[in-house]
């Protein structure tokens, strides 16, 4: 299986599936509300330079988290494919490793 193809498919699935699932999750909504409340309190207590540093920090953190989420999702897809392959008659009894 081509890595480019897997990359393309997982990007689409990641954004569509996670977005729909999270929209319905009450705990996620509550966490977002609390995050926004605390951010506003913090942001209002900082001067402009500190606000810019904080925003840059959050941009960097969000970028890293996005990379991790994408990696974890893709690895889960690879593991699922490996599991399905291991359940076929020719793969029975052995779990294959999909490109590491």
N, C-alpha and C. Protein backbone atom coordinates (compact mmCIF):
# COMPACT_ATOMS: atom_id res chain seq x y z
N UNK A 1 0.85 -1.18 0.00
CA UNK A 1 0.00 0.00 0.00
C UNK A 1 0.89 1.23 0.00
N UNK A 2 0.62 2.17 -0.85
CA UNK A 2 1.42 3.37 -0.97
C UNK A 2 1.23 4.26 0.25
N UNK A 3 2.34 4.79 0.75
CA UNK A 3 2.29 5.68 1.92
C UNK A 3 1.53 6.96 1.58
N UNK A 4 1.67 7.45 0.34
CA UNK A 4 0.95 8.65 -0.08
C UNK A 4 -0.56 8.43 -0.04
N UNK A 5 -0.99 7.25 -0.51
CA UNK A 5 -2.42 6.93 -0.51
C UNK A 5 -2.94 6.87 0.92
N UNK A 6 -2.21 6.18 1.79
CA UNK A 6 -2.61 6.08 3.19
C UNK A 6 -2.65 7.47 3.83
N UNK A 7 -1.69 8.29 3.50
CA UNK A 7 -1.65 9.66 4.03
C UNK A 7 -2.90 10.43 3.61
N UNK A 8 -3.25 10.34 2.34
CA UNK A 8 -4.40 11.07 1.80
C UNK A 8 -5.70 10.59 2.45
N UNK A 9 -5.89 9.29 2.54
CA UNK A 9 -7.11 8.73 3.11
C UNK A 9 -7.24 9.08 4.59
N UNK A 10 -6.16 8.94 5.33
CA UNK A 10 -6.25 9.20 6.77
C UNK A 10 -6.48 10.67 7.07
N UNK A 11 -5.94 11.57 6.25
CA UNK A 11 -6.19 12.99 6.47
C UNK A 11 -7.68 13.30 6.33
N UNK A 12 -8.32 12.74 5.31
CA UNK A 12 -9.75 12.97 5.10
C UNK A 12 -10.55 12.37 6.25
N UNK A 13 -10.25 11.12 6.59
CA UNK A 13 -10.99 10.44 7.65
C UNK A 13 -10.78 11.12 9.00
N UNK A 14 -9.56 11.53 9.26
CA UNK A 14 -9.25 12.17 10.54
C UNK A 14 -10.08 13.42 10.74
N UNK A 15 -10.09 14.29 9.76
CA UNK A 15 -10.81 15.54 9.94
C UNK A 15 -12.32 15.34 9.97
N UNK A 16 -12.84 14.46 9.12
CA UNK A 16 -14.28 14.25 9.08
C UNK A 16 -14.79 13.50 10.31
N UNK A 17 -14.19 12.39 10.63
CA UNK A 17 -14.69 11.56 11.72
C UNK A 17 -14.49 12.18 13.09
N UNK A 18 -13.31 12.71 13.34
CA UNK A 18 -13.07 13.31 14.64
C UNK A 18 -13.94 14.54 14.85
N UNK A 19 -14.07 15.34 13.81
CA UNK A 19 -14.89 16.55 13.92
C UNK A 19 -16.33 16.22 14.28
N UNK A 20 -16.91 15.24 13.61
CA UNK A 20 -18.30 14.86 13.86
C UNK A 20 -18.45 14.26 15.25
N UNK A 21 -17.50 13.43 15.65
CA UNK A 21 -17.58 12.80 16.97
C UNK A 21 -17.42 13.80 18.09
N UNK A 22 -16.50 14.72 17.93
CA UNK A 22 -16.26 15.69 19.00
C UNK A 22 -17.39 16.69 19.14
N UNK A 23 -18.06 17.01 18.04
CA UNK A 23 -19.19 17.94 18.10
C UNK A 23 -20.28 17.44 19.04
N UNK A 24 -20.40 16.14 19.18
CA UNK A 24 -21.47 15.53 19.98
C UNK A 24 -21.05 15.22 21.42
N UNK A 25 -19.76 15.31 21.70
CA UNK A 25 -19.24 14.89 23.00
C UNK A 25 -19.38 16.01 24.04
N UNK A 26 -20.18 15.76 25.07
CA UNK A 26 -20.44 16.77 26.10
C UNK A 26 -19.17 17.12 26.89
N UNK A 27 -18.34 16.13 27.18
CA UNK A 27 -17.11 16.40 27.93
C UNK A 27 -16.17 17.29 27.13
N UNK A 28 -16.11 17.05 25.82
CA UNK A 28 -15.26 17.87 24.96
C UNK A 28 -15.77 19.32 24.94
N UNK A 29 -17.08 19.47 24.80
CA UNK A 29 -17.66 20.82 24.79
C UNK A 29 -17.39 21.55 26.10
N UNK A 30 -17.52 20.83 27.21
CA UNK A 30 -17.26 21.44 28.52
C UNK A 30 -15.78 21.82 28.65
N UNK A 31 -14.90 20.97 28.16
CA UNK A 31 -13.46 21.26 28.22
C UNK A 31 -13.12 22.49 27.39
N UNK A 32 -13.74 22.61 26.22
CA UNK A 32 -13.51 23.78 25.35
C UNK A 32 -13.99 25.05 26.05
N UNK A 33 -15.17 25.00 26.67
CA UNK A 33 -15.70 26.17 27.38
C UNK A 33 -14.77 26.59 28.51
N UNK A 34 -14.29 25.63 29.28
CA UNK A 34 -13.38 25.94 30.39
C UNK A 34 -12.07 26.50 29.87
N UNK A 35 -11.57 25.91 28.79
CA UNK A 35 -10.33 26.40 28.18
C UNK A 35 -10.49 27.86 27.73
N UNK A 36 -11.60 28.16 27.09
CA UNK A 36 -11.85 29.53 26.62
C UNK A 36 -11.98 30.50 27.79
N UNK A 37 -12.66 30.08 28.86
CA UNK A 37 -12.83 30.93 30.04
C UNK A 37 -11.48 31.27 30.66
N UNK A 38 -10.66 30.24 30.85
CA UNK A 38 -9.34 30.45 31.46
C UNK A 38 -8.42 31.27 30.56
N UNK A 39 -8.52 31.05 29.27
CA UNK A 39 -7.70 31.83 28.33
C UNK A 39 -8.06 33.31 28.41
N UNK A 40 -9.34 33.61 28.45
CA UNK A 40 -9.78 35.01 28.54
C UNK A 40 -9.25 35.67 29.82
N UNK A 41 -9.35 34.96 30.94
CA UNK A 41 -8.83 35.49 32.20
C UNK A 41 -7.34 35.77 32.10
N UNK A 42 -6.61 34.82 31.56
CA UNK A 42 -5.16 34.96 31.42
C UNK A 42 -4.81 36.08 30.43
N UNK A 43 -5.47 36.05 29.29
CA UNK A 43 -5.20 37.05 28.24
C UNK A 43 -5.45 38.47 28.74
N UNK A 44 -6.51 38.66 29.51
CA UNK A 44 -6.85 39.99 30.02
C UNK A 44 -5.88 40.49 31.09
N UNK A 45 -5.13 39.57 31.67
CA UNK A 45 -4.20 39.97 32.73
C UNK A 45 -2.79 40.23 32.21
N UNK A 46 -2.58 40.08 30.92
CA UNK A 46 -1.25 40.24 30.35
C UNK A 46 -1.14 41.51 29.51
N UNK A 47 0.09 42.02 29.42
CA UNK A 47 0.31 43.15 28.52
C UNK A 47 0.41 42.62 27.08
N UNK A 48 0.50 43.52 26.12
CA UNK A 48 0.45 43.13 24.70
C UNK A 48 1.59 42.19 24.32
N UNK A 49 2.78 42.46 24.80
CA UNK A 49 3.93 41.59 24.48
C UNK A 49 3.72 40.18 25.04
N UNK A 50 3.26 40.11 26.27
CA UNK A 50 2.99 38.82 26.90
C UNK A 50 1.87 38.08 26.17
N UNK A 51 0.84 38.80 25.74
CA UNK A 51 -0.24 38.19 24.98
C UNK A 51 0.28 37.57 23.69
N UNK A 52 1.17 38.29 22.99
CA UNK A 52 1.75 37.77 21.75
C UNK A 52 2.59 36.51 22.01
N UNK A 53 3.37 36.53 23.09
CA UNK A 53 4.18 35.36 23.44
C UNK A 53 3.27 34.18 23.76
N UNK A 54 2.20 34.43 24.49
CA UNK A 54 1.27 33.36 24.84
C UNK A 54 0.61 32.79 23.58
N UNK A 55 0.19 33.65 22.67
CA UNK A 55 -0.44 33.19 21.44
C UNK A 55 0.55 32.37 20.60
N UNK A 56 1.80 32.81 20.54
CA UNK A 56 2.83 32.05 19.82
C UNK A 56 3.06 30.68 20.46
N UNK A 57 3.05 30.67 21.78
CA UNK A 57 3.19 29.40 22.50
C UNK A 57 2.05 28.45 22.15
N UNK A 58 0.82 28.96 22.19
CA UNK A 58 -0.33 28.11 21.86
C UNK A 58 -0.31 27.65 20.41
N UNK A 59 0.15 28.50 19.50
CA UNK A 59 0.27 28.09 18.10
C UNK A 59 1.24 26.92 17.97
N UNK A 60 2.38 27.01 18.64
CA UNK A 60 3.37 25.95 18.58
C UNK A 60 2.84 24.66 19.22
N UNK A 61 2.16 24.81 20.34
CA UNK A 61 1.60 23.65 21.04
C UNK A 61 0.52 22.98 20.19
N UNK A 62 -0.34 23.77 19.59
CA UNK A 62 -1.40 23.21 18.75
C UNK A 62 -0.84 22.51 17.52
N UNK A 63 0.22 23.05 16.96
CA UNK A 63 0.87 22.43 15.80
C UNK A 63 1.42 21.05 16.19
N UNK A 64 2.10 20.98 17.32
CA UNK A 64 2.64 19.71 17.81
C UNK A 64 1.53 18.71 18.07
N UNK A 65 0.46 19.16 18.72
CA UNK A 65 -0.66 18.26 19.04
C UNK A 65 -1.32 17.74 17.77
N UNK A 66 -1.39 18.57 16.76
CA UNK A 66 -1.96 18.16 15.49
C UNK A 66 -1.13 17.05 14.85
N UNK A 67 0.18 17.18 14.93
CA UNK A 67 1.08 16.15 14.39
C UNK A 67 0.89 14.84 15.15
N UNK A 68 0.81 14.91 16.47
CA UNK A 68 0.63 13.71 17.29
C UNK A 68 -0.72 13.05 16.99
N UNK A 69 -1.79 13.84 16.92
CA UNK A 69 -3.11 13.28 16.64
C UNK A 69 -3.14 12.57 15.30
N UNK A 70 -2.53 13.18 14.31
CA UNK A 70 -2.48 12.59 12.98
C UNK A 70 -1.69 11.29 13.01
N UNK A 71 -0.55 11.29 13.68
CA UNK A 71 0.28 10.09 13.78
C UNK A 71 -0.47 8.96 14.48
N UNK A 72 -1.11 9.27 15.59
CA UNK A 72 -1.84 8.24 16.36
C UNK A 72 -2.98 7.66 15.52
N UNK A 73 -3.71 8.52 14.83
CA UNK A 73 -4.82 8.05 13.99
C UNK A 73 -4.30 7.14 12.88
N UNK A 74 -3.24 7.56 12.21
CA UNK A 74 -2.67 6.76 11.12
C UNK A 74 -2.16 5.43 11.64
N UNK A 75 -1.52 5.44 12.80
CA UNK A 75 -1.02 4.19 13.36
C UNK A 75 -2.18 3.26 13.69
N UNK A 76 -3.27 3.82 14.19
CA UNK A 76 -4.45 3.00 14.46
C UNK A 76 -5.01 2.38 13.19
N UNK A 77 -5.02 3.15 12.09
CA UNK A 77 -5.48 2.61 10.81
C UNK A 77 -4.57 1.48 10.36
N UNK A 78 -3.26 1.67 10.49
CA UNK A 78 -2.30 0.63 10.10
C UNK A 78 -2.49 -0.62 10.95
N UNK A 79 -2.69 -0.43 12.24
CA UNK A 79 -2.89 -1.56 13.14
C UNK A 79 -4.18 -2.31 12.80
N UNK A 80 -5.24 -1.58 12.46
CA UNK A 80 -6.49 -2.21 12.07
C UNK A 80 -6.32 -3.02 10.79
N UNK A 81 -5.62 -2.44 9.82
CA UNK A 81 -5.36 -3.15 8.57
C UNK A 81 -4.54 -4.41 8.84
N UNK A 82 -3.56 -4.30 9.71
CA UNK A 82 -2.74 -5.44 10.08
C UNK A 82 -3.59 -6.53 10.74
N UNK A 83 -4.51 -6.11 11.60
CA UNK A 83 -5.39 -7.07 12.26
C UNK A 83 -6.27 -7.78 11.24
N UNK A 84 -6.87 -7.02 10.32
CA UNK A 84 -7.70 -7.63 9.28
C UNK A 84 -6.89 -8.61 8.43
N UNK A 85 -5.67 -8.23 8.07
CA UNK A 85 -4.83 -9.13 7.27
C UNK A 85 -4.51 -10.41 8.04
N UNK A 86 -4.32 -10.29 9.34
CA UNK A 86 -3.98 -11.47 10.13
C UNK A 86 -5.16 -12.43 10.25
N UNK A 87 -6.36 -11.94 10.00
CA UNK A 87 -7.55 -12.77 10.11
C UNK A 87 -7.88 -13.51 8.81
N UNK A 88 -7.16 -13.21 7.72
CA UNK A 88 -7.38 -13.93 6.47
C UNK A 88 -6.74 -15.30 6.58
N UNK A 89 -7.20 -16.27 5.79
CA UNK A 89 -6.64 -17.63 5.88
C UNK A 89 -5.12 -17.68 5.74
N UNK A 90 -4.56 -16.90 4.81
CA UNK A 90 -3.11 -16.94 4.63
C UNK A 90 -2.36 -16.18 5.73
N UNK A 91 -3.05 -15.31 6.43
CA UNK A 91 -2.40 -14.55 7.50
C UNK A 91 -2.82 -15.00 8.88
N UNK A 92 -3.62 -16.05 8.92
CA UNK A 92 -4.19 -16.52 10.19
C UNK A 92 -3.10 -16.81 11.21
N UNK A 93 -3.30 -16.28 12.39
CA UNK A 93 -2.39 -16.58 13.49
C UNK A 93 -1.19 -15.65 13.58
N UNK A 94 -1.03 -14.76 12.63
CA UNK A 94 0.10 -13.84 12.76
C UNK A 94 -0.33 -12.43 12.43
N UNK A 95 0.10 -11.52 13.28
CA UNK A 95 -0.20 -10.11 13.11
C UNK A 95 0.96 -9.49 12.34
N UNK A 96 0.64 -8.87 11.22
CA UNK A 96 1.68 -8.28 10.38
C UNK A 96 1.93 -6.84 10.77
N UNK A 97 3.14 -6.41 10.54
CA UNK A 97 3.49 -5.02 10.78
C UNK A 97 3.38 -4.27 9.46
N UNK A 98 2.58 -3.21 9.43
CA UNK A 98 2.46 -2.36 8.25
C UNK A 98 3.49 -1.25 8.42
N UNK A 99 4.13 -0.87 7.37
CA UNK A 99 5.24 0.09 7.35
C UNK A 99 5.36 0.91 8.63
N UNK A 100 6.52 0.82 9.24
CA UNK A 100 6.75 1.51 10.51
C UNK A 100 7.31 2.88 10.29
